[in-house]
Amino acid sequence: MKLQKIIILGLVLFFLGVSSISFAQEGSSYLLGPEDIIRVVVWENPDMSGEFKVDPAGNITQLILGDIKVEGLTIVELEKILYEKLSKYIETPKITITILGYFSKKVYILGEVRQPGKFPIGGEYITIREAVLKAGLPTKNADLKRVKIITPGKPQPVTKIINLYNILYKGNMEKDIKLDSGDIVYVPMALVPRITDTLGQISSPFMQYLSLSNLFDSVFGKNSGSATK
């Protein structure tokens, strides 16, 4: 009986340990940038704690330490820097940093979606499915089988073509790839609406001519241009 209790206790402690490790590593690979919001907690020192927004120069301003460059750092790296700086004022400071707002990394959703525009990733990463959902889903004219993902780069951008229909409506989540900051998702118009739109543009001048012709006939009569005998 005692052995069973020891085994159960050991398993509980093991899973608690795994959970705490996962929690501590959450956000650890994310690189901070302008507009991100973080919470810094210095245990037993509330005057040194607070919520901070990264300014356009990539800094946060702490009451005692002043401006601190955080752009391009992970929260683990920032914790080490703050530990070194605060050690001048506090003996063995205990610091916890949490990311409250992921706003510095953005993707662009363009083309046949209901709300095209620029969207913050909102976490360590965002998938193409999540990004298109943020843009209000595709319109009825969208060609979901030829969606382009354009990654800017040098000497030239890299373009991938994916079948978004299978991801959204057939649950093929294996193809739901992660987007990088700065990626552009372009949802093209399907062929039939494009043809209809083109025909409309071609026929528009002709329809205008017919409208003017009908107006002329209604005012002057159909035979107004013929010679009288």
C-alpha atoms as a PDB file:
ATOM      1  CA  MET A   1       0.000   0.000   0.000  1.00  0.00           C
ATOM      2  CA  LYS A   2       2.813   2.368   0.918  1.00  0.00           C
ATOM      3  CA  LEU A   3       4.590   1.499  -2.318  1.00  0.00           C
ATOM      4  CA  GLN A   4       1.497   2.446  -4.344  1.00  0.00           C
ATOM      5  CA  LYS A   5       1.259   5.809  -2.561  1.00  0.00           C
ATOM      6  CA  ILE A   6       4.929   6.480  -3.215  1.00  0.00           C
ATOM      7  CA  ILE A   7       4.509   5.644  -6.918  1.00  0.00           C
ATOM      8  CA  ILE A   8       1.408   7.853  -7.228  1.00  0.00           C
ATOM      9  CA  LEU A   9       3.140  10.721  -5.420  1.00  0.00           C
ATOM     10  CA  GLY A  10       6.146  10.338  -7.689  1.00  0.00           C
ATOM     11  CA  LEU A  11       3.972  10.476 -10.818  1.00  0.00           C
ATOM     12  CA  VAL A  12       2.155  13.578  -9.561  1.00  0.00           C
ATOM     13  CA  LEU A  13       5.435  15.345  -8.834  1.00  0.00           C
ATOM     14  CA  PHE A  14       6.789  14.307 -12.235  1.00  0.00           C
ATOM     15  CA  PHE A  15       3.820  15.730 -14.155  1.00  0.00           C
ATOM     16  CA  LEU A  16       3.834  18.884 -12.051  1.00  0.00           C
ATOM     17  CA  GLY A  17       7.493  19.297 -12.885  1.00  0.00           C
ATOM     18  CA  VAL A  18       6.837  18.833 -16.606  1.00  0.00           C
ATOM     19  CA  SER A  19       4.009  21.377 -16.472  1.00  0.00           C
ATOM     20  CA  SER A  20       6.139  23.960 -14.693  1.00  0.00           C
ATOM     21  CA  ILE A  21       8.959  23.505 -17.198  1.00  0.00           C
ATOM     22  CA  SER A  22       6.567  23.957 -20.132  1.00  0.00           C
ATOM     23  CA  PHE A  23       5.103  27.072 -18.533  1.00  0.00           C
ATOM     24  CA  ALA A  24       8.532  28.551 -17.888  1.00  0.00           C
ATOM     25  CA  GLN A  25       9.510  27.997 -21.507  1.00  0.00           C
ATOM     26  CA  GLU A  26       6.332  29.521 -22.939  1.00  0.00           C
ATOM     27  CA  GLY A  27       7.301  32.470 -25.101  1.00  0.00           C
ATOM     28  CA  SER A  28      11.007  31.750 -24.592  1.00  0.00           C
ATOM     29  CA  SER A  29      11.815  31.674 -28.320  1.00  0.00           C
ATOM     30  CA  TYR A  30       9.859  34.827 -29.202  1.00  0.00           C
ATOM     31  CA  LEU A  31      12.003  37.868 -29.981  1.00  0.00           C
ATOM     32  CA  LEU A  32      10.666  41.064 -28.468  1.00  0.00           C
ATOM     33  CA  GLY A  33      10.063  44.109 -30.641  1.00  0.00           C
ATOM     34  CA  PRO A  34       8.325  47.508 -30.742  1.00  0.00           C
ATOM     35  CA  GLU A  35       4.685  47.547 -29.552  1.00  0.00           C
ATOM     36  CA  ASP A  36       5.036  44.301 -27.574  1.00  0.00           C
ATOM     37  CA  ILE A  37       3.814  44.504 -23.976  1.00  0.00           C
ATOM     38  CA  ILE A  38       5.520  42.659 -21.120  1.00  0.00           C
ATOM     39  CA  ARG A  39       5.009  42.310 -17.383  1.00  0.00           C
ATOM     40  CA  VAL A  40       8.101  42.323 -15.183  1.00  0.00           C
ATOM     41  CA  VAL A  41       7.696  41.058 -11.624  1.00  0.00           C
ATOM     42  CA  VAL A  42      10.580  41.544  -9.200  1.00  0.00           C
ATOM     43  CA  TRP A  43       9.558  39.496  -6.198  1.00  0.00           C
ATOM     44  CA  GLU A  44       9.070  41.486  -2.970  1.00  0.00           C
ATOM     45  CA  ASN A  45       9.871  44.693  -4.878  1.00  0.00           C
ATOM     46  CA  PRO A  46       6.635  46.058  -6.358  1.00  0.00           C
ATOM     47  CA  ASP A  47       8.228  49.452  -7.053  1.00  0.00           C
ATOM     48  CA  MET A  48      10.550  47.742  -9.545  1.00  0.00           C
ATOM     49  CA  SER A  49       7.765  45.703 -11.119  1.00  0.00           C
ATOM     50  CA  GLY A  50       5.235  46.753 -13.725  1.00  0.00           C
ATOM     51  CA  GLU A  51       3.871  46.450 -17.241  1.00  0.00           C
ATOM     52  CA  PHE A  52       5.951  47.896 -20.048  1.00  0.00           C
ATOM     53  CA  LYS A  53       5.341  48.586 -23.731  1.00  0.00           C
ATOM     54  CA  VAL A  54       8.344  48.363 -26.019  1.00  0.00           C
ATOM     55  CA  ASP A  55       8.786  51.769 -27.646  1.00  0.00           C
ATOM     56  CA  PRO A  56       9.616  52.380 -31.351  1.00  0.00           C
ATOM     57  CA  ALA A  57      13.332  52.425 -30.482  1.00  0.00           C
ATOM     58  CA  GLY A  58      13.058  48.929 -28.973  1.00  0.00           C
ATOM     59  CA  ASN A  59      13.385  50.009 -25.322  1.00  0.00           C
ATOM     60  CA  ILE A  60      11.396  49.782 -22.126  1.00  0.00           C
ATOM     61  CA  THR A  61      11.788  52.401 -19.415  1.00  0.00           C
ATOM     62  CA  GLN A  62      12.108  51.150 -15.850  1.00  0.00           C
ATOM     63  CA  LEU A  63      11.808  53.524 -12.906  1.00  0.00           C
ATOM     64  CA  ILE A  64      15.248  52.802 -11.435  1.00  0.00           C
ATOM     65  CA  LEU A  65      17.202  51.358 -14.357  1.00  0.00           C
ATOM     66  CA  GLY A  66      16.000  53.818 -17.007  1.00  0.00           C
ATOM     67  CA  ASP A  67      15.945  52.779 -20.678  1.00  0.00           C
ATOM     68  CA  ILE A  68      16.687  49.110 -21.346  1.00  0.00           C
ATOM     69  CA  LYS A  69      17.164  47.767 -24.873  1.00  0.00           C
ATOM     70  CA  VAL A  70      14.916  44.723 -25.284  1.00  0.00           C
ATOM     71  CA  GLU A  71      14.357  44.490 -29.042  1.00  0.00           C
ATOM     72  CA  GLY A  72      15.629  41.196 -30.424  1.00  0.00           C
ATOM     73  CA  LEU A  73      15.808  39.546 -26.988  1.00  0.00           C
ATOM     74  CA  THR A  74      13.888  36.557 -25.674  1.00  0.00           C
ATOM     75  CA  ILE A  75      12.337  36.840 -22.218  1.00  0.00           C
ATOM     76  CA  VAL A  76      14.995  34.446 -20.893  1.00  0.00           C
ATOM     77  CA  GLU A  77      17.760  36.729 -22.187  1.00  0.00           C
ATOM     78  CA  LEU A  78      16.000  39.777 -20.767  1.00  0.00           C
ATOM     79  CA  GLU A  79      15.659  38.104 -17.364  1.00  0.00           C
ATOM     80  CA  LYS A  80      19.435  37.586 -17.272  1.00  0.00           C
ATOM     81  CA  ILE A  81      20.099  41.231 -18.174  1.00  0.00           C
ATOM     82  CA  LEU A  82      17.678  42.505 -15.535  1.00  0.00           C
ATOM     83  CA  TYR A  83      19.174  40.138 -12.977  1.00  0.00           C
ATOM     84  CA  GLU A  84      22.641  41.613 -13.542  1.00  0.00           C
ATOM     85  CA  LYS A  85      21.379  45.197 -13.405  1.00  0.00           C
ATOM     86  CA  LEU A  86      19.132  44.734 -10.366  1.00  0.00           C
ATOM     87  CA  SER A  87      21.809  42.827  -8.447  1.00  0.00           C
ATOM     88  CA  LYS A  88      23.401  46.221  -7.768  1.00  0.00           C
ATOM     89  CA  TYR A  89      20.332  47.165  -5.721  1.00  0.00           C
ATOM     90  CA  ILE A  90      18.870  43.829  -4.555  1.00  0.00           C
ATOM     91  CA  GLU A  91      20.578  40.739  -3.248  1.00  0.00           C
ATOM     92  CA  THR A  92      19.735  37.779  -5.504  1.00  0.00           C
ATOM     93  CA  PRO A  93      16.694  39.309  -7.244  1.00  0.00           C
ATOM     94  CA  LYS A  94      13.988  36.910  -8.353  1.00  0.00           C
ATOM     95  CA  ILE A  95      12.512  38.046 -11.668  1.00  0.00           C
ATOM     96  CA  THR A  96       9.590  36.770 -13.720  1.00  0.00           C
ATOM     97  CA  ILE A  97       8.753  38.154 -17.175  1.00  0.00           C
ATOM     98  CA  THR A  98       5.516  37.457 -19.028  1.00  0.00           C
ATOM     99  CA  ILE A  99       4.561  38.590 -22.523  1.00  0.00           C
ATOM    100  CA  LEU A 100       1.114  40.197 -22.351  1.00  0.00           C
ATOM    101  CA  GLY A 101       0.818  41.404 -25.939  1.00  0.00           C
ATOM    102  CA  TYR A 102       2.457  40.073 -29.092  1.00  0.00           C
ATOM    103  CA  PHE A 103       2.167  43.072 -31.416  1.00  0.00           C
ATOM    104  CA  SER A 104       5.560  43.568 -33.084  1.00  0.00           C
ATOM    105  CA  LYS A 105       5.324  40.668 -35.547  1.00  0.00           C
ATOM    106  CA  LYS A 106       2.755  41.073 -38.334  1.00  0.00           C
ATOM    107  CA  VAL A 107       1.516  39.304 -41.465  1.00  0.00           C
ATOM    108  CA  TYR A 108      -0.422  40.689 -44.432  1.00  0.00           C
ATOM    109  CA  ILE A 109      -3.603  39.072 -45.789  1.00  0.00           C
ATOM    110  CA  LEU A 110      -4.595  40.431 -49.210  1.00  0.00           C
ATOM    111  CA  GLY A 111      -6.928  39.624 -52.081  1.00  0.00           C
ATOM    112  CA  GLU A 112     -10.278  37.859 -51.809  1.00  0.00           C
ATOM    113  CA  VAL A 113     -10.834  38.000 -48.040  1.00  0.00           C
ATOM    114  CA  ARG A 114     -13.516  39.967 -46.228  1.00  0.00           C
ATOM    115  CA  GLN A 115     -11.135  42.185 -44.240  1.00  0.00           C
ATOM    116  CA  PRO A 116      -7.765  42.436 -46.016  1.00  0.00           C
ATOM    117  CA  GLY A 117      -4.975  44.147 -44.151  1.00  0.00           C
ATOM    118  CA  LYS A 118      -2.126  43.844 -41.661  1.00  0.00           C
ATOM    119  CA  PHE A 119      -2.565  41.587 -38.630  1.00  0.00           C
ATOM    120  CA  PRO A 120      -0.380  40.999 -35.552  1.00  0.00           C
ATOM    121  CA  ILE A 121       0.725  37.399 -35.162  1.00  0.00           C
ATOM    122  CA  GLY A 122      -0.578  37.430 -31.586  1.00  0.00           C
ATOM    123  CA  GLY A 123       1.813  34.783 -30.269  1.00  0.00           C
ATOM    124  CA  GLU A 124       5.058  33.033 -31.028  1.00  0.00           C
ATOM    125  CA  TYR A 125       3.647  32.119 -34.442  1.00  0.00           C
ATOM    126  CA  ILE A 126       0.452  32.052 -36.486  1.00  0.00           C
ATOM    127  CA  THR A 127      -0.710  29.513 -39.071  1.00  0.00           C
ATOM    128  CA  ILE A 128      -2.224  30.399 -42.431  1.00  0.00           C
ATOM    129  CA  ARG A 129      -5.616  29.125 -41.257  1.00  0.00           C
ATOM    130  CA  GLU A 130      -5.556  31.375 -38.188  1.00  0.00           C
ATOM    131  CA  ALA A 131      -4.438  34.347 -40.276  1.00  0.00           C
ATOM    132  CA  VAL A 132      -7.250  33.933 -42.821  1.00  0.00           C
ATOM    133  CA  LEU A 133      -9.771  33.602 -39.986  1.00  0.00           C
ATOM    134  CA  LYS A 134      -8.517  36.928 -38.615  1.00  0.00           C
ATOM    135  CA  ALA A 135      -9.172  38.433 -42.046  1.00  0.00           C
ATOM    136  CA  GLY A 136     -12.821  37.364 -41.891  1.00  0.00           C
ATOM    137  CA  LEU A 137     -12.573  34.260 -44.126  1.00  0.00           C
ATOM    138  CA  PRO A 138     -12.409  34.233 -47.954  1.00  0.00           C
ATOM    139  CA  THR A 139     -15.074  35.805 -50.149  1.00  0.00           C
ATOM    140  CA  LYS A 140     -17.293  33.732 -52.451  1.00  0.00           C
ATOM    141  CA  ASN A 141     -15.085  34.762 -55.398  1.00  0.00           C
ATOM    142  CA  ALA A 142     -11.872  33.358 -53.884  1.00  0.00           C
ATOM    143  CA  ASP A 143      -9.790  30.694 -55.592  1.00  0.00           C
ATOM    144  CA  LEU A 144      -8.772  28.736 -52.497  1.00  0.00           C
ATOM    145  CA  LYS A 145      -6.735  26.163 -54.391  1.00  0.00           C
ATOM    146  CA  ARG A 146      -4.098  28.653 -55.576  1.00  0.00           C
ATOM    147  CA  VAL A 147      -3.367  30.772 -52.510  1.00  0.00           C
ATOM    148  CA  LYS A 148       0.095  32.332 -52.509  1.00  0.00           C
ATOM    149  CA  ILE A 149       2.370  32.793 -49.500  1.00  0.00           C
ATOM    150  CA  ILE A 150       5.069  35.333 -50.292  1.00  0.00           C
ATOM    151  CA  THR A 151       8.063  35.620 -47.974  1.00  0.00           C
ATOM    152  CA  PRO A 152      10.068  38.795 -48.643  1.00  0.00           C
ATOM    153  CA  GLY A 153      13.775  38.173 -48.997  1.00  0.00           C
ATOM    154  CA  LYS A 154      16.972  38.959 -50.817  1.00  0.00           C
ATOM    155  CA  PRO A 155      17.795  38.782 -53.652  1.00  0.00           C
ATOM    156  CA  GLN A 156      14.134  37.972 -54.347  1.00  0.00           C
ATOM    157  CA  PRO A 157      11.036  36.867 -52.415  1.00  0.00           C
ATOM    158  CA  VAL A 158      10.065  33.208 -52.049  1.00  0.00           C
ATOM    159  CA  THR A 159       6.557  32.209 -53.151  1.00  0.00           C
ATOM    160  CA  LYS A 160       4.639  29.076 -52.160  1.00  0.00           C
ATOM    161  CA  ILE A 161       1.253  28.006 -53.536  1.00  0.00           C
ATOM    162  CA  ILE A 162      -1.042  26.060 -51.217  1.00  0.00           C
ATOM    163  CA  ASN A 163      -4.534  24.584 -51.292  1.00  0.00           C
ATOM    164  CA  LEU A 164      -6.341  26.577 -48.614  1.00  0.00           C
ATOM    165  CA  TYR A 165      -9.640  24.835 -49.384  1.00  0.00           C
ATOM    166  CA  ASN A 166      -8.319  21.532 -48.046  1.00  0.00           C
ATOM    167  CA  ILE A 167      -7.117  23.238 -44.870  1.00  0.00           C
ATOM    168  CA  LEU A 168     -10.293  25.214 -44.150  1.00  0.00           C
ATOM    169  CA  TYR A 169     -12.989  22.814 -45.279  1.00  0.00           C
ATOM    170  CA  LYS A 170     -11.428  19.337 -45.342  1.00  0.00           C
ATOM    171  CA  GLY A 171      -9.398  19.532 -42.151  1.00  0.00           C
ATOM    172  CA  ASN A 172      -6.019  18.848 -43.761  1.00  0.00           C
ATOM    173  CA  MET A 173      -4.097  20.426 -40.883  1.00  0.00           C
ATOM    174  CA  GLU A 174      -0.761  18.961 -41.993  1.00  0.00           C
ATOM    175  CA  LYS A 175      -0.645  21.670 -44.659  1.00  0.00           C
ATOM    176  CA  ASP A 176      -1.555  24.433 -42.199  1.00  0.00           C
ATOM    177  CA  ILE A 177       1.921  25.941 -42.267  1.00  0.00           C
ATOM    178  CA  LYS A 178       3.326  28.535 -39.885  1.00  0.00           C
ATOM    179  CA  LEU A 179       3.789  32.066 -41.180  1.00  0.00           C
ATOM    180  CA  ASP A 180       6.806  34.245 -40.465  1.00  0.00           C
ATOM    181  CA  SER A 181       6.667  37.912 -39.585  1.00  0.00           C
ATOM    182  CA  GLY A 182       6.335  39.951 -42.782  1.00  0.00           C
ATOM    183  CA  ASP A 183       4.794  37.120 -44.816  1.00  0.00           C
ATOM    184  CA  ILE A 184       2.131  38.069 -47.366  1.00  0.00           C
ATOM    185  CA  VAL A 185      -0.852  35.787 -47.989  1.00  0.00           C
ATOM    186  CA  TYR A 186      -2.577  36.529 -51.297  1.00  0.00           C
ATOM    187  CA  VAL A 187      -5.954  34.920 -52.011  1.00  0.00           C
ATOM    188  CA  PRO A 188      -6.631  35.289 -55.770  1.00  0.00           C
ATOM    189  CA  MET A 189      -9.977  35.638 -57.500  1.00  0.00           C
ATOM    190  CA  ALA A 190     -11.384  32.491 -59.100  1.00  0.00           C
ATOM    191  CA  LEU A 191     -11.394  32.194 -62.909  1.00  0.00           C
ATOM    192  CA  VAL A 192     -15.159  32.582 -63.515  1.00  0.00           C
ATOM    193  CA  PRO A 193     -15.528  35.859 -61.552  1.00  0.00           C
ATOM    194  CA  ARG A 194     -12.405  37.161 -63.319  1.00  0.00           C
ATOM    195  CA  ILE A 195     -13.898  36.388 -66.739  1.00  0.00           C
ATOM    196  CA  THR A 196     -17.222  37.952 -65.744  1.00  0.00           C
ATOM    197  CA  ASP A 197     -15.462  41.045 -64.467  1.00  0.00           C
ATOM    198  CA  THR A 198     -13.395  41.316 -67.665  1.00  0.00           C
ATOM    199  CA  LEU A 199     -16.464  40.929 -69.874  1.00  0.00           C
ATOM    200  CA  GLY A 200     -18.179  43.594 -67.810  1.00  0.00           C
ATOM    201  CA  GLN A 201     -15.312  45.995 -68.413  1.00  0.00           C
ATOM    202  CA  ILE A 202     -15.331  45.264 -72.150  1.00  0.00           C
ATOM    203  CA  SER A 203     -19.096  45.573 -72.536  1.00  0.00           C
ATOM    204  CA  SER A 204     -19.360  48.709 -70.414  1.00  0.00           C
ATOM    205  CA  PRO A 205     -18.465  51.195 -73.233  1.00  0.00           C
ATOM    206  CA  PHE A 206     -20.828  49.342 -75.595  1.00  0.00           C
ATOM    207  CA  MET A 207     -23.658  49.504 -73.052  1.00  0.00           C
ATOM    208  CA  GLN A 208     -22.996  53.208 -72.596  1.00  0.00           C
ATOM    209  CA  TYR A 209     -23.274  53.630 -76.378  1.00  0.00           C
ATOM    210  CA  LEU A 210     -26.614  51.774 -76.423  1.00  0.00           C
ATOM    211  CA  SER A 211     -27.911  53.887 -73.551  1.00  0.00           C
ATOM    212  CA  LEU A 212     -26.973  57.111 -75.350  1.00  0.00           C
ATOM    213  CA  SER A 213     -28.493  55.801 -78.585  1.00  0.00           C
ATOM    214  CA  ASN A 214     -31.771  54.962 -76.844  1.00  0.00           C
ATOM    215  CA  LEU A 215     -31.824  58.381 -75.203  1.00  0.00           C
ATOM    216  CA  PHE A 216     -31.245  60.084 -78.564  1.00  0.00           C
ATOM    217  CA  ASP A 217     -34.060  58.064 -80.186  1.00  0.00           C
ATOM    218  CA  SER A 218     -36.498  58.820 -77.382  1.00  0.00           C
ATOM    219  CA  VAL A 219     -35.897  62.571 -77.676  1.00  0.00           C
ATOM    220  CA  PHE A 220     -35.614  63.036 -81.435  1.00  0.00           C
ATOM    221  CA  GLY A 221     -37.267  59.927 -82.793  1.00  0.00           C
ATOM    222  CA  LYS A 222     -35.741  56.996 -84.598  1.00  0.00           C
ATOM    223  CA  ASN A 223     -35.946  58.680 -88.010  1.00  0.00           C
ATOM    224  CA  SER A 224     -34.617  62.054 -86.898  1.00  0.00           C
ATOM    225  CA  GLY A 225     -31.379  61.515 -88.749  1.00  0.00           C
ATOM    226  CA  SER A 226     -32.988  60.556 -92.097  1.00  0.00           C
ATOM    227  CA  ALA A 227     -33.643  63.054 -94.890  1.00  0.00           C
ATOM    228  CA  THR A 228     -37.233  64.214 -95.377  1.00  0.00           C
ATOM    229  CA  LYS A 229     -38.791  63.916 -98.771  1.00  0.00           C
END
